[in-house]
N, C-alpha and C. Protein backbone atom coordinates (compact mmCIF):
# COMPACT_ATOMS: atom_id res chain seq x y z
N MET A 1 101.94 95.24 113.76
CA MET A 1 100.56 95.03 113.38
C MET A 1 100.36 95.26 111.88
N GLY A 2 101.09 96.24 111.36
CA GLY A 2 100.97 96.50 109.93
C GLY A 2 101.43 95.34 109.08
N PHE A 3 102.44 94.61 109.59
CA PHE A 3 102.93 93.44 108.86
C PHE A 3 101.84 92.38 108.76
N TRP A 4 101.18 92.08 109.88
CA TRP A 4 100.15 91.03 109.88
C TRP A 4 98.92 91.46 109.08
N ASN A 5 98.56 92.74 109.16
CA ASN A 5 97.47 93.23 108.31
C ASN A 5 97.86 93.13 106.84
N GLY A 6 99.11 93.47 106.54
CA GLY A 6 99.59 93.36 105.17
C GLY A 6 99.59 91.94 104.66
N ILE A 7 99.97 90.99 105.52
CA ILE A 7 99.93 89.58 105.13
C ILE A 7 98.51 89.15 104.82
N ALA A 8 97.56 89.52 105.68
CA ALA A 8 96.17 89.12 105.46
C ALA A 8 95.60 89.75 104.19
N VAL A 9 95.82 91.04 104.03
CA VAL A 9 95.30 91.73 102.83
C VAL A 9 96.05 91.26 101.59
N GLY A 10 97.36 91.06 101.71
CA GLY A 10 98.16 90.61 100.58
C GLY A 10 97.75 89.23 100.09
N LEU A 11 97.53 88.29 101.02
CA LEU A 11 97.11 86.95 100.62
C LEU A 11 95.73 86.95 99.97
N THR A 12 94.83 87.75 100.53
CA THR A 12 93.49 87.84 99.95
C THR A 12 93.55 88.44 98.55
N THR A 13 94.35 89.48 98.40
CA THR A 13 94.49 90.12 97.09
C THR A 13 95.19 89.20 96.10
N MET A 14 96.20 88.47 96.58
CA MET A 14 96.90 87.53 95.71
C MET A 14 95.95 86.46 95.19
N LEU A 15 95.07 85.98 96.04
CA LEU A 15 94.10 84.98 95.61
C LEU A 15 93.19 85.54 94.53
N GLY A 16 92.70 86.76 94.74
CA GLY A 16 91.85 87.39 93.73
C GLY A 16 92.57 87.62 92.42
N VAL A 17 93.82 88.06 92.49
CA VAL A 17 94.60 88.29 91.27
C VAL A 17 94.87 86.97 90.56
N TYR A 18 95.15 85.91 91.31
CA TYR A 18 95.40 84.62 90.68
C TYR A 18 94.15 84.08 89.99
N ILE A 19 93.00 84.23 90.63
CA ILE A 19 91.75 83.79 90.01
C ILE A 19 91.49 84.58 88.74
N TRP A 20 91.80 85.87 88.78
CA TRP A 20 91.53 86.74 87.64
C TRP A 20 92.53 86.55 86.51
N SER A 21 93.84 86.40 86.84
CA SER A 21 94.85 86.44 85.77
C SER A 21 95.66 85.16 85.60
N ARG A 22 95.68 84.28 86.59
CA ARG A 22 96.48 83.05 86.56
C ARG A 22 97.98 83.32 86.39
N SER A 23 98.43 84.48 86.86
CA SER A 23 99.84 84.85 86.75
C SER A 23 100.46 84.89 88.15
N LEU A 24 101.38 83.96 88.41
CA LEU A 24 102.03 83.93 89.72
C LEU A 24 102.94 85.14 89.93
N GLY A 25 103.55 85.62 88.86
CA GLY A 25 104.40 86.80 88.96
C GLY A 25 103.61 88.03 89.38
N LEU A 26 102.46 88.21 88.77
CA LEU A 26 101.60 89.33 89.14
C LEU A 26 101.11 89.19 90.58
N CYS A 27 100.82 87.96 90.99
CA CYS A 27 100.42 87.71 92.38
C CYS A 27 101.52 88.10 93.35
N MET A 28 102.76 87.77 93.02
CA MET A 28 103.88 88.13 93.89
C MET A 28 104.03 89.64 93.98
N ILE A 29 103.93 90.32 92.86
CA ILE A 29 104.08 91.78 92.85
C ILE A 29 103.00 92.42 93.70
N ILE A 30 101.76 92.03 93.50
CA ILE A 30 100.65 92.61 94.25
C ILE A 30 100.76 92.28 95.74
N GLY A 31 101.08 91.04 96.07
CA GLY A 31 101.17 90.63 97.47
C GLY A 31 102.27 91.36 98.22
N ILE A 32 103.47 91.41 97.63
CA ILE A 32 104.58 92.10 98.28
C ILE A 32 104.29 93.59 98.39
N SER A 33 103.67 94.16 97.38
CA SER A 33 103.31 95.58 97.43
C SER A 33 102.30 95.88 98.53
N MET A 34 101.34 94.99 98.72
CA MET A 34 100.35 95.20 99.77
C MET A 34 101.00 95.13 101.15
N VAL A 35 101.89 94.18 101.36
CA VAL A 35 102.58 94.07 102.65
C VAL A 35 103.42 95.32 102.90
N SER A 36 104.18 95.76 101.90
CA SER A 36 105.01 96.95 102.10
C SER A 36 104.17 98.20 102.31
N SER A 37 103.06 98.33 101.61
CA SER A 37 102.19 99.49 101.80
C SER A 37 101.58 99.52 103.19
N MET A 38 101.19 98.35 103.71
CA MET A 38 100.61 98.30 105.05
C MET A 38 101.66 98.61 106.12
N ILE A 39 102.88 98.15 105.92
CA ILE A 39 103.94 98.47 106.87
C ILE A 39 104.24 99.97 106.85
N ILE A 40 104.33 100.54 105.66
CA ILE A 40 104.56 101.98 105.53
C ILE A 40 103.43 102.76 106.19
N ALA A 41 102.20 102.33 105.99
CA ALA A 41 101.05 103.03 106.57
C ALA A 41 101.06 102.95 108.10
N SER A 42 101.41 101.80 108.65
CA SER A 42 101.39 101.68 110.11
C SER A 42 102.52 102.48 110.75
N VAL A 43 103.70 102.46 110.13
CA VAL A 43 104.81 103.25 110.67
C VAL A 43 104.51 104.74 110.54
N SER A 44 103.98 105.15 109.40
CA SER A 44 103.63 106.56 109.20
C SER A 44 102.53 107.00 110.15
N GLY A 45 101.55 106.14 110.35
CA GLY A 45 100.44 106.47 111.24
C GLY A 45 100.86 106.65 112.68
N ALA A 46 101.93 105.98 113.07
CA ALA A 46 102.46 106.16 114.42
C ALA A 46 103.43 107.34 114.50
N ALA A 47 104.24 107.53 113.46
CA ALA A 47 105.30 108.53 113.52
C ALA A 47 104.83 109.95 113.24
N ILE A 48 103.92 110.13 112.30
CA ILE A 48 103.53 111.48 111.90
C ILE A 48 102.89 112.27 113.05
N PRO A 49 101.94 111.73 113.80
CA PRO A 49 101.42 112.51 114.94
C PRO A 49 102.49 112.84 115.98
N LEU A 50 103.42 111.92 116.21
CA LEU A 50 104.50 112.19 117.17
C LEU A 50 105.40 113.32 116.68
N ILE A 51 105.70 113.31 115.40
CA ILE A 51 106.53 114.37 114.81
C ILE A 51 105.80 115.71 114.89
N LEU A 52 104.51 115.71 114.62
CA LEU A 52 103.74 116.95 114.69
C LEU A 52 103.69 117.50 116.11
N VAL A 53 103.56 116.64 117.11
CA VAL A 53 103.57 117.09 118.50
C VAL A 53 104.92 117.69 118.85
N LYS A 54 106.00 117.05 118.41
CA LYS A 54 107.36 117.56 118.69
C LYS A 54 107.60 118.92 118.05
N THR A 55 106.96 119.18 116.90
CA THR A 55 107.13 120.47 116.23
C THR A 55 106.12 121.51 116.68
N GLY A 56 105.27 121.16 117.64
CA GLY A 56 104.32 122.12 118.18
C GLY A 56 103.03 122.25 117.40
N GLN A 57 102.76 121.34 116.48
CA GLN A 57 101.54 121.38 115.68
C GLN A 57 100.47 120.51 116.33
N ASP A 58 99.23 120.77 115.96
CA ASP A 58 98.12 119.96 116.47
C ASP A 58 97.97 118.73 115.57
N PRO A 59 98.24 117.53 116.09
CA PRO A 59 98.16 116.34 115.23
C PRO A 59 96.74 115.99 114.81
N ALA A 60 95.75 116.46 115.54
CA ALA A 60 94.36 116.13 115.19
C ALA A 60 93.93 116.82 113.90
N THR A 61 94.47 117.97 113.63
CA THR A 61 94.03 118.70 112.44
C THR A 61 94.92 118.48 111.22
N SER A 62 96.18 118.13 111.41
CA SER A 62 97.05 118.05 110.25
C SER A 62 97.63 116.68 109.95
N SER A 63 97.49 115.72 110.83
CA SER A 63 98.13 114.43 110.56
C SER A 63 97.46 113.68 109.42
N SER A 64 96.15 113.86 109.23
CA SER A 64 95.48 113.12 108.15
C SER A 64 95.99 113.55 106.78
N ILE A 65 96.30 114.82 106.61
CA ILE A 65 96.80 115.30 105.33
C ILE A 65 98.17 114.70 105.05
N PHE A 66 99.06 114.76 106.04
CA PHE A 66 100.40 114.21 105.86
C PHE A 66 100.37 112.70 105.72
N LEU A 67 99.54 112.05 106.51
CA LEU A 67 99.47 110.59 106.47
C LEU A 67 98.96 110.09 105.12
N THR A 68 97.94 110.73 104.59
CA THR A 68 97.42 110.35 103.28
C THR A 68 98.47 110.54 102.19
N THR A 69 99.17 111.67 102.24
CA THR A 69 100.19 111.95 101.24
C THR A 69 101.33 110.94 101.31
N VAL A 70 101.83 110.69 102.51
CA VAL A 70 102.96 109.77 102.67
C VAL A 70 102.57 108.36 102.24
N THR A 71 101.43 107.87 102.69
CA THR A 71 101.05 106.50 102.35
C THR A 71 100.75 106.34 100.86
N ASP A 72 100.12 107.33 100.25
CA ASP A 72 99.84 107.24 98.81
C ASP A 72 101.13 107.25 97.99
N VAL A 73 102.01 108.19 98.28
CA VAL A 73 103.24 108.31 97.50
C VAL A 73 104.14 107.10 97.71
N MET A 74 104.36 106.73 98.95
CA MET A 74 105.25 105.60 99.23
C MET A 74 104.66 104.27 98.76
N GLY A 75 103.36 104.10 98.90
CA GLY A 75 102.72 102.88 98.41
C GLY A 75 102.82 102.75 96.90
N PHE A 76 102.60 103.86 96.20
CA PHE A 76 102.70 103.83 94.75
C PHE A 76 104.13 103.58 94.30
N LEU A 77 105.10 104.25 94.95
CA LEU A 77 106.49 104.04 94.59
C LEU A 77 106.96 102.62 94.92
N SER A 78 106.49 102.07 96.03
CA SER A 78 106.89 100.69 96.35
C SER A 78 106.29 99.72 95.34
N PHE A 79 105.06 99.95 94.94
CA PHE A 79 104.44 99.10 93.92
C PHE A 79 105.22 99.15 92.62
N LEU A 80 105.55 100.35 92.17
CA LEU A 80 106.30 100.48 90.91
C LEU A 80 107.69 99.89 91.02
N GLY A 81 108.34 100.07 92.17
CA GLY A 81 109.67 99.51 92.37
C GLY A 81 109.66 98.00 92.37
N ILE A 82 108.71 97.42 93.08
CA ILE A 82 108.61 95.96 93.13
C ILE A 82 108.24 95.41 91.76
N ALA A 83 107.34 96.09 91.06
CA ALA A 83 106.97 95.65 89.72
C ALA A 83 108.16 95.72 88.77
N THR A 84 108.99 96.74 88.91
CA THR A 84 110.18 96.85 88.07
C THR A 84 111.16 95.72 88.36
N LEU A 85 111.35 95.42 89.65
CA LEU A 85 112.28 94.36 90.03
C LEU A 85 111.81 92.98 89.59
N LEU A 86 110.50 92.75 89.64
CA LEU A 86 109.96 91.42 89.34
C LEU A 86 109.30 91.34 87.97
N MET A 87 109.60 92.29 87.09
CA MET A 87 108.95 92.33 85.79
C MET A 87 109.23 91.08 84.96
N SER A 88 110.36 90.47 85.15
CA SER A 88 110.69 89.29 84.36
C SER A 88 109.83 88.08 84.72
N TYR A 89 109.14 88.12 85.86
CA TYR A 89 108.29 87.01 86.28
C TYR A 89 106.85 87.11 85.79
N ILE A 90 106.52 88.21 85.14
CA ILE A 90 105.14 88.38 84.65
C ILE A 90 104.97 87.61 83.36
């Protein structure tokens, strides 16, 4: 599900970036980053509560903190990594 949400959000964002900047390279970077961020968020959103239950923690009180941290850090790192790899296309 995260993949399809990422595709929808990525295409919408790519269209906005293209209208704003007319740069296909920047569109690719933003689109791929959005798809990877949505996949990371969906996997993390499913895995973190399960991990917390296995460790004896209450997932209702602590999963939001971990989920926000994981998705923010991994999304930012994936964006920077993809931008570094595709920098020659900008």
